[in-house]
Amino acid sequence: MRVAVPREIAPRETRVALVPETVARLTQAGIDIVVEAGAGEAAGHRDEAYVEARATVAPNAAATFAAGDVVLKVREPMAPPTQGTHEADLLREDCTLIGFLGRDRNSELAKRLAARHVTAFSVELLPRISRAQKMDALSSMSTVAGYKAALLAAGALGRFFPLLMTAAGTVAPARVFVLGAGVAGLQAIATARRLGAVVEAFDVRPAVREEVQSLGATFVALESLKDQGVGEGGYARELAQEHQEMERQLLLQHVKTSDVVISTAMIPGRKAPTLITDAMVAGMKSGSVIIDLAAEAGGNCELTEPGQVVTRHGVSIHGPINLAATLPGHASFMYSRNLYAFLLHLVHDGALKLDFEDEITRESCLTRPAARPHEALAGERT
């Protein structure tokens, strides 16, 4: 079995699907690895490092894709920014593809892959069960995003994060309010606390209270909500209209006293909930900062512009996209380890053996060849 790792062509994408450390583990397990020339350079891994790990370096994308029984990517197949062949058309028919391919089994990409009889696994679809924890690429990338969000905020805020005792007087610590205490939110809390800020955090799931408090932050919640904000797999879910209004009133009180707001609230497969209104931003102190990690999913702040930094009512609003790619070394290392665990789940005795009775294999599969072609596309939008 040969595993191919092409160079990512998405704009500003710096990650690579496998790093040399993981390549060495796979080659020791009897799996041949083919890496496109330059695939790991942006993440700090030269071609020589892959050769030392016993991988073969292919000269271009076409040669890389052609060599792969299994193709590992970070981003979904796409057309090159300049003229060239769409990556999906470079895939061998009947090969297996693994990467961040989205949740929509009826998407144009899914149809394109199904037409080429590609068995595609999307890491976004991995079930949230204990057996899949080592494969959880979403959590890995959320860890990076939460960390970088706090650093972005510290860099954009025109004041210190920590309490300082100086000859000029005492400098009060910055107040940081984190919306959403999932993996990204918890990492943002931890990083802001390490930088010395006073941190509060809000989440609709009461169960995360202890995690927030263990990091030294104050937990803010709608006490009357109970478990109504908990959705499938432990993710947050959209609240009823009456609770949304109560939520906004609660958030208003904390947003206006904060120097920094980091929002991370997202609902899988849905537009991100609007938690920060124009009126809330207008009530914030001039010079305050909002880092909206939900920008790609529509934003938690109604003034967010994806990929842009805008100033409204004297508040700097950041809508970063693909923050994980801004820390390519460790982001690639973590993602590579996730794929390694997933591959070991799919491979037995050096060959790919797909057991669709297994929950991890079945639920993460985006498309697969079937007796009837339409079966590969069956199911509602996720």
Protein backbone atom coordinates (compact mmCIF):
# COMPACT_ATOMS: atom_id res chain seq x y z
CA MET A 1 0.00 0.00 0.00
CA ARG A 2 1.27 3.44 -0.91
CA VAL A 3 0.24 6.63 0.87
CA ALA A 4 0.60 9.91 -1.05
CA VAL A 5 1.01 13.34 0.53
CA PRO A 6 0.59 16.22 -1.95
CA ARG A 7 1.61 19.80 -1.34
CA GLU A 8 -1.35 21.94 -0.23
CA ILE A 9 -2.38 24.54 -2.81
CA ALA A 10 -5.04 26.47 -0.87
CA PRO A 11 -4.08 30.15 -0.46
CA ARG A 12 -2.10 30.80 2.76
CA GLU A 13 -2.20 27.11 3.69
CA THR A 14 1.10 26.16 5.34
CA ARG A 15 0.31 22.79 6.93
CA VAL A 16 1.26 19.37 5.62
CA ALA A 17 -0.65 16.13 6.18
CA LEU A 18 2.34 14.08 7.37
CA VAL A 19 5.54 15.23 9.06
CA PRO A 20 8.78 13.21 8.82
CA GLU A 21 8.40 11.86 12.38
CA THR A 22 5.09 10.22 11.48
CA VAL A 23 6.36 9.11 8.07
CA ALA A 24 9.13 7.17 9.83
CA ARG A 25 6.54 5.40 11.99
CA LEU A 26 4.46 4.45 8.96
CA THR A 27 7.39 3.21 6.91
CA GLN A 28 8.49 1.06 9.85
CA ALA A 29 4.98 -0.42 9.77
CA GLY A 30 5.55 -1.45 6.14
CA ILE A 31 3.63 1.37 4.44
CA ASP A 32 5.27 3.16 1.49
CA ILE A 33 5.03 6.96 1.58
CA VAL A 34 5.26 9.31 -1.41
CA VAL A 35 5.56 13.04 -0.65
CA GLU A 36 5.38 15.81 -3.23
CA ALA A 37 8.51 17.93 -3.43
CA GLY A 38 8.20 20.98 -1.18
CA ALA A 39 5.08 19.68 0.60
CA GLY A 40 6.50 20.25 4.07
CA GLU A 41 8.67 23.33 3.54
CA ALA A 42 6.14 25.87 4.89
CA ALA A 43 5.83 23.74 8.06
CA GLY A 44 9.61 23.56 8.50
CA HIS A 45 10.23 20.14 6.92
CA ARG A 46 12.58 19.89 3.96
CA ASP A 47 12.48 17.12 1.39
CA GLU A 48 15.71 15.70 2.82
CA ALA A 49 13.96 15.02 6.13
CA TYR A 50 11.31 12.96 4.36
CA VAL A 51 13.98 11.01 2.48
CA GLU A 52 15.71 10.28 5.81
CA ALA A 53 12.35 8.98 7.07
CA ARG A 54 12.39 6.58 4.05
CA ALA A 55 9.75 8.37 2.01
CA THR A 56 9.95 8.85 -1.76
CA VAL A 57 9.82 12.43 -2.99
CA ALA A 58 7.74 12.91 -6.16
CA PRO A 59 8.52 15.84 -8.49
CA ASN A 60 4.99 17.22 -8.88
CA ALA A 61 1.34 16.91 -7.94
CA ALA A 62 0.40 14.62 -10.82
CA ALA A 63 3.09 12.09 -9.91
CA THR A 64 2.15 12.26 -6.24
CA PHE A 65 -1.57 11.69 -6.73
CA ALA A 66 -0.93 8.93 -9.27
CA ALA A 67 1.17 7.02 -6.73
CA GLY A 68 -1.39 6.98 -3.95
CA ASP A 69 -3.63 4.09 -2.99
CA VAL A 70 -4.42 6.40 -0.07
CA VAL A 71 -4.08 10.18 -0.38
CA LEU A 72 -3.70 12.29 2.76
CA LYS A 73 -4.51 15.99 2.59
CA VAL A 74 -5.14 18.87 4.94
CA ARG A 75 -7.63 20.78 2.82
CA GLU A 76 -10.23 19.50 0.37
CA PRO A 77 -9.23 18.90 -3.27
CA MET A 78 -9.48 22.09 -5.30
CA ALA A 79 -8.39 23.71 -8.54
CA PRO A 80 -4.99 25.43 -8.46
CA PRO A 81 -5.07 29.23 -7.96
CA THR A 82 -3.44 29.44 -11.39
CA GLN A 83 -4.50 27.35 -14.35
CA GLY A 84 -4.21 23.63 -13.89
CA THR A 85 -6.02 20.35 -13.26
CA HIS A 86 -8.44 20.12 -10.35
CA GLU A 87 -6.93 17.95 -7.62
CA ALA A 88 -10.00 15.69 -7.59
CA ASP A 89 -9.28 14.80 -11.22
CA LEU A 90 -5.72 13.81 -10.29
CA LEU A 91 -6.95 11.18 -7.83
CA ARG A 92 -6.79 7.61 -9.04
CA GLU A 93 -10.16 5.97 -9.45
CA ASP A 94 -11.01 3.69 -6.52
CA CYS A 95 -8.39 5.28 -4.27
CA THR A 96 -9.00 6.44 -0.69
CA LEU A 97 -8.83 10.10 0.35
CA ILE A 98 -8.58 11.45 3.91
CA GLY A 99 -8.66 15.09 4.96
CA PHE A 100 -10.79 18.06 6.00
CA LEU A 101 -13.46 17.47 3.36
CA GLY A 102 -16.50 19.01 5.08
CA ARG A 103 -19.69 17.57 6.50
CA ASP A 104 -21.96 17.83 3.46
CA ARG A 105 -22.45 14.45 1.82
CA ASN A 106 -24.42 16.13 -0.97
CA SER A 107 -21.80 18.77 -1.77
CA GLU A 108 -20.35 19.26 -5.24
CA LEU A 109 -17.04 17.90 -3.97
CA ALA A 110 -18.72 14.74 -2.65
CA LYS A 111 -20.44 14.20 -5.99
CA ARG A 112 -17.16 14.74 -7.82
CA LEU A 113 -15.35 12.24 -5.63
CA ALA A 114 -18.17 9.70 -5.90
CA ALA A 115 -18.07 9.96 -9.69
CA ARG A 116 -14.44 8.85 -9.55
CA HIS A 117 -15.34 6.00 -7.17
CA VAL A 118 -13.18 7.52 -4.44
CA THR A 119 -13.70 6.35 -0.88
CA ALA A 120 -13.40 9.65 0.99
CA PHE A 121 -13.12 10.12 4.74
CA SER A 122 -13.67 13.54 6.27
CA VAL A 123 -12.01 14.06 9.63
CA GLU A 124 -14.78 16.54 10.50
CA LEU A 125 -17.22 13.61 10.60
CA LEU A 126 -15.31 11.51 13.12
CA PRO A 127 -17.66 10.56 15.98
CA ARG A 128 -16.98 12.05 19.41
CA ILE A 129 -16.27 8.76 21.18
CA SER A 130 -13.32 7.70 23.32
CA ARG A 131 -11.91 5.34 20.66
CA ALA A 132 -11.62 8.25 18.21
CA GLN A 133 -9.88 10.72 20.52
CA LYS A 134 -6.42 10.16 19.04
CA MET A 135 -7.88 10.83 15.57
CA ASP A 136 -9.70 14.04 16.55
CA ALA A 137 -8.16 16.55 14.14
CA LEU A 138 -10.87 19.13 14.83
CA SER A 139 -9.81 19.30 18.47
CA SER A 140 -6.16 19.52 17.49
CA MET A 141 -6.75 22.48 15.19
CA SER A 142 -9.09 24.11 17.72
CA THR A 143 -6.28 23.95 20.27
CA VAL A 144 -4.05 25.91 17.90
CA ALA A 145 -6.80 28.42 17.11
CA GLY A 146 -7.61 29.09 20.77
CA TYR A 147 -3.96 29.64 21.61
CA LYS A 148 -3.38 31.99 18.70
CA ALA A 149 -6.62 33.89 19.41
CA ALA A 150 -5.31 34.93 22.83
CA LEU A 151 -1.98 35.98 21.33
CA LEU A 152 -3.75 37.99 18.62
CA ALA A 153 -5.80 39.75 21.27
CA ALA A 154 -2.72 40.53 23.37
CA GLY A 155 -0.99 41.96 20.32
CA ALA A 156 -3.95 44.06 19.25
CA LEU A 157 -4.89 45.43 22.68
CA GLY A 158 -3.14 48.70 23.45
CA ARG A 159 -2.41 47.72 27.05
CA PHE A 160 -0.82 44.98 29.14
CA PHE A 161 -2.59 41.71 29.89
CA PRO A 162 -1.08 41.13 33.39
CA LEU A 163 -1.23 43.13 36.60
CA LEU A 164 2.00 45.16 36.86
CA MET A 165 3.46 46.96 39.85
CA THR A 166 5.64 49.74 38.44
CA ALA A 167 7.38 52.89 39.67
CA ALA A 168 4.76 54.80 37.70
CA GLY A 169 1.96 53.09 39.56
CA THR A 170 -0.10 49.91 39.44
CA VAL A 171 -1.34 48.71 36.05
CA ALA A 172 -4.63 46.82 36.30
CA PRO A 173 -4.87 43.50 34.39
CA ALA A 174 -6.87 43.22 31.18
CA ARG A 175 -10.33 41.68 31.39
CA VAL A 176 -10.94 38.90 28.85
CA PHE A 177 -14.34 37.37 28.14
CA VAL A 178 -14.40 34.06 26.23
CA LEU A 179 -17.63 32.93 24.54
CA GLY A 180 -17.77 29.16 24.19
CA ALA A 181 -15.79 26.73 26.36
CA GLY A 182 -15.06 24.02 23.82
CA VAL A 183 -11.50 23.05 22.93
CA ALA A 184 -10.68 26.43 21.34
CA GLY A 185 -12.33 28.38 24.14
CA LEU A 186 -10.57 26.44 26.88
CA GLN A 187 -7.21 26.95 25.20
CA ALA A 188 -7.94 30.67 24.81
CA ILE A 189 -8.80 30.82 28.52
CA ALA A 190 -5.62 28.99 29.51
CA THR A 191 -3.42 31.19 27.32
CA ALA A 192 -5.02 34.45 28.46
CA ARG A 193 -4.58 33.34 32.08
CA ARG A 194 -0.92 32.52 31.46
CA LEU A 195 -0.52 36.05 30.11
CA GLY A 196 -1.98 37.38 33.34
CA ALA A 197 -5.47 38.50 32.30
CA VAL A 198 -8.59 38.26 34.44
CA VAL A 199 -10.79 35.84 32.50
CA GLU A 200 -14.52 35.12 32.40
CA ALA A 201 -16.09 32.49 30.14
CA PHE A 202 -19.63 31.79 28.95
CA ASP A 203 -21.11 28.55 27.65
CA VAL A 204 -24.62 27.15 27.31
CA ARG A 205 -23.44 23.76 28.59
CA PRO A 206 -23.36 23.60 32.41
CA ALA A 207 -21.03 20.59 32.31
CA VAL A 208 -18.04 22.74 31.27
CA ARG A 209 -18.21 24.85 34.44
CA GLU A 210 -15.58 22.78 36.26
CA GLU A 211 -13.19 22.87 33.30
CA VAL A 212 -13.45 26.66 33.08
CA GLN A 213 -12.95 27.10 36.80
CA SER A 214 -10.00 24.68 36.84
CA LEU A 215 -8.20 27.09 34.50
CA GLY A 216 -8.70 29.98 36.89
CA ALA A 217 -11.55 31.68 35.02
CA THR A 218 -14.99 32.69 36.24
CA PHE A 219 -17.87 30.76 34.65
CA VAL A 220 -20.82 32.80 33.37
CA ALA A 221 -24.05 30.92 32.67
CA LEU A 222 -27.79 31.15 32.36
CA GLU A 223 -28.65 29.26 35.53
CA SER A 224 -32.18 28.49 34.26
CA LEU A 225 -30.88 26.83 31.08
CA LYS A 226 -29.83 23.44 32.55
CA ASP A 227 -29.01 21.03 29.67
CA GLN A 228 -31.10 22.68 26.95
CA GLY A 229 -27.97 24.00 25.23
CA VAL A 230 -26.36 20.56 24.88
CA GLY A 231 -26.62 18.90 21.49
CA GLU A 232 -25.55 15.61 19.93
CA GLY A 233 -22.03 14.49 20.78
CA GLY A 234 -21.72 17.09 23.54
CA TYR A 235 -21.61 20.01 21.11
CA ALA A 236 -23.56 23.18 21.85
CA ARG A 237 -26.87 23.59 20.07
CA GLU A 238 -28.97 26.59 19.14
CA LEU A 239 -31.19 27.89 21.92
CA ALA A 240 -34.92 28.55 21.78
CA GLN A 241 -35.86 32.17 20.99
CA GLU A 242 -36.80 33.04 24.59
CA HIS A 243 -33.47 31.78 25.88
CA GLN A 244 -31.56 33.62 23.16
CA GLU A 245 -32.91 36.92 24.44
CA MET A 246 -31.98 36.04 28.03
CA GLU A 247 -28.55 35.05 26.77
CA ARG A 248 -28.04 38.41 25.01
CA GLN A 249 -28.99 40.34 28.14
CA LEU A 250 -26.49 38.34 30.19
CA LEU A 251 -23.72 38.74 27.62
CA LEU A 252 -24.35 42.49 27.34
CA GLN A 253 -23.41 42.97 30.99
CA HIS A 254 -20.07 41.19 30.59
CA VAL A 255 -19.11 42.34 27.09
CA LYS A 256 -19.29 46.03 28.01
CA THR A 257 -16.83 45.62 30.90
CA SER A 258 -14.33 43.53 28.91
CA ASP A 259 -11.16 44.73 27.21
CA VAL A 260 -11.08 41.61 25.03
CA VAL A 261 -13.83 39.30 23.80
CA ILE A 262 -12.80 36.00 22.20
CA SER A 263 -15.76 34.21 20.61
CA THR A 264 -15.56 30.54 19.67
CA ALA A 265 -19.20 29.43 19.60
CA MET A 266 -20.06 27.20 16.64
CA ILE A 267 -22.69 24.57 15.88
CA PRO A 268 -21.53 21.75 13.56
CA GLY A 269 -23.05 22.05 10.09
CA ARG A 270 -24.87 25.30 10.95
CA LYS A 271 -24.22 29.03 10.76
CA ALA A 272 -22.53 30.29 13.90
CA PRO A 273 -24.93 31.88 16.41
CA THR A 274 -24.90 35.67 16.63
CA LEU A 275 -23.93 36.46 20.21
CA ILE A 276 -22.45 39.96 19.91
CA THR A 277 -24.72 42.58 18.40
CA ASP A 278 -23.90 46.02 17.00
CA ALA A 279 -25.38 47.53 20.16
CA MET A 280 -23.10 45.43 22.36
CA VAL A 281 -20.04 46.57 20.40
CA ALA A 282 -21.18 50.19 20.71
CA GLY A 283 -21.28 49.73 24.50
CA MET A 284 -17.69 48.48 24.73
CA LYS A 285 -14.79 50.68 25.77
CA SER A 286 -12.90 52.38 22.95
CA GLY A 287 -9.75 50.42 22.14
CA SER A 288 -11.29 47.07 23.06
CA VAL A 289 -10.69 44.01 20.89
CA ILE A 290 -12.93 41.22 19.57
CA ILE A 291 -11.39 38.03 18.14
CA ASP A 292 -14.14 36.10 16.34
CA LEU A 293 -13.01 32.51 15.75
CA ALA A 294 -16.39 31.72 14.20
CA ALA A 295 -15.74 34.12 11.30
CA GLU A 296 -15.65 31.36 8.67
CA ALA A 297 -19.03 30.07 9.85
CA GLY A 298 -20.73 33.46 9.71
CA GLY A 299 -19.30 34.97 12.89
CA ASN A 300 -20.50 35.33 16.46
CA CYS A 301 -20.34 39.11 16.09
CA GLU A 302 -22.70 40.63 13.54
CA LEU A 303 -20.02 43.15 12.52
CA THR A 304 -17.34 40.53 11.76
CA GLU A 305 -15.92 40.43 8.24
CA PRO A 306 -14.21 37.06 7.54
CA GLY A 307 -10.50 37.43 6.95
CA GLN A 308 -10.54 41.14 7.81
CA VAL A 309 -9.83 43.45 10.74
CA VAL A 310 -12.40 46.23 11.00
CA THR A 311 -12.95 49.00 13.53
CA ARG A 312 -16.49 49.79 14.62
CA HIS A 313 -17.46 52.10 17.50
CA GLY A 314 -13.75 52.31 18.39
CA VAL A 315 -13.53 48.52 18.79
CA SER A 316 -11.12 46.40 16.72
CA ILE A 317 -12.96 43.35 15.36
CA HIS A 318 -10.83 40.50 13.96
CA GLY A 319 -12.28 37.76 11.77
CA PRO A 320 -9.31 35.39 11.37
CA ILE A 321 -9.54 32.51 8.92
CA ASN A 322 -7.57 29.26 9.24
CA LEU A 323 -5.61 30.26 12.34
CA ALA A 324 -4.12 26.76 12.52
CA ALA A 325 -2.07 27.56 9.41
CA THR A 326 -0.35 30.40 11.30
CA LEU A 327 1.34 27.83 13.55
CA PRO A 328 2.24 25.24 10.89
CA GLY A 329 4.94 23.39 12.79
CA HIS A 330 2.86 22.14 15.69
CA ALA A 331 -0.42 22.18 13.75
CA SER A 332 1.09 19.78 11.20
CA PHE A 333 2.63 17.64 13.94
CA MET A 334 -0.74 17.25 15.69
CA TYR A 335 -2.67 16.65 12.47
CA SER A 336 -0.07 14.12 11.32
CA ARG A 337 -0.48 12.20 14.58
CA ASN A 338 -4.28 12.27 14.13
CA LEU A 339 -3.98 10.81 10.61
CA TYR A 340 -1.51 8.21 11.83
CA ALA A 341 -4.03 6.98 14.39
CA PHE A 342 -6.81 6.97 11.80
CA LEU A 343 -4.70 5.06 9.28
CA LEU A 344 -3.81 2.42 11.84
CA HIS A 345 -7.53 2.03 12.44
CA LEU A 346 -8.14 1.40 8.73
CA VAL A 347 -5.04 -0.68 7.94
CA HIS A 348 -4.57 -4.31 8.93
CA ASP A 349 -1.55 -6.46 8.01
CA GLY A 350 -0.22 -3.72 5.74
CA ALA A 351 -3.39 -3.43 3.67
CA LEU A 352 -6.42 -1.16 3.75
CA LYS A 353 -9.39 -3.10 5.14
CA LEU A 354 -12.50 -0.97 5.57
CA ASP A 355 -15.05 -2.28 8.03
CA PHE A 356 -18.18 -0.18 7.62
CA GLU A 357 -19.79 -1.96 10.54
CA ASP A 358 -17.34 -0.02 12.71
CA GLU A 359 -18.73 3.33 13.93
CA ILE A 360 -15.56 5.32 13.30
CA THR A 361 -15.17 4.06 9.73
CA ARG A 362 -18.85 4.36 8.88
CA GLU A 363 -19.54 7.79 10.36
CA SER A 364 -16.40 9.48 8.98
CA CYS A 365 -17.00 8.26 5.43
CA LEU A 366 -18.12 11.03 3.08
CA THR A 367 -18.38 8.96 -0.12
CA ARG A 368 -17.76 5.35 -1.11
CA PRO A 369 -18.36 3.22 -4.16
CA ALA A 370 -21.59 1.27 -3.91
CA ALA A 371 -23.55 -1.30 -5.88
CA ARG A 372 -25.81 1.56 -6.95
CA PRO A 373 -23.98 4.85 -7.61
CA HIS A 374 -26.51 7.00 -5.75
CA GLU A 375 -25.86 5.12 -2.49
CA ALA A 376 -22.55 6.93 -2.11
CA LEU A 377 -24.47 10.17 -1.84
CA ALA A 378 -27.31 8.94 0.36
CA GLY A 379 -28.22 10.80 3.52
CA GLU A 380 -29.28 14.27 4.47
CA ARG A 381 -26.97 17.23 4.79
CA THR A 382 -25.09 16.98 8.04
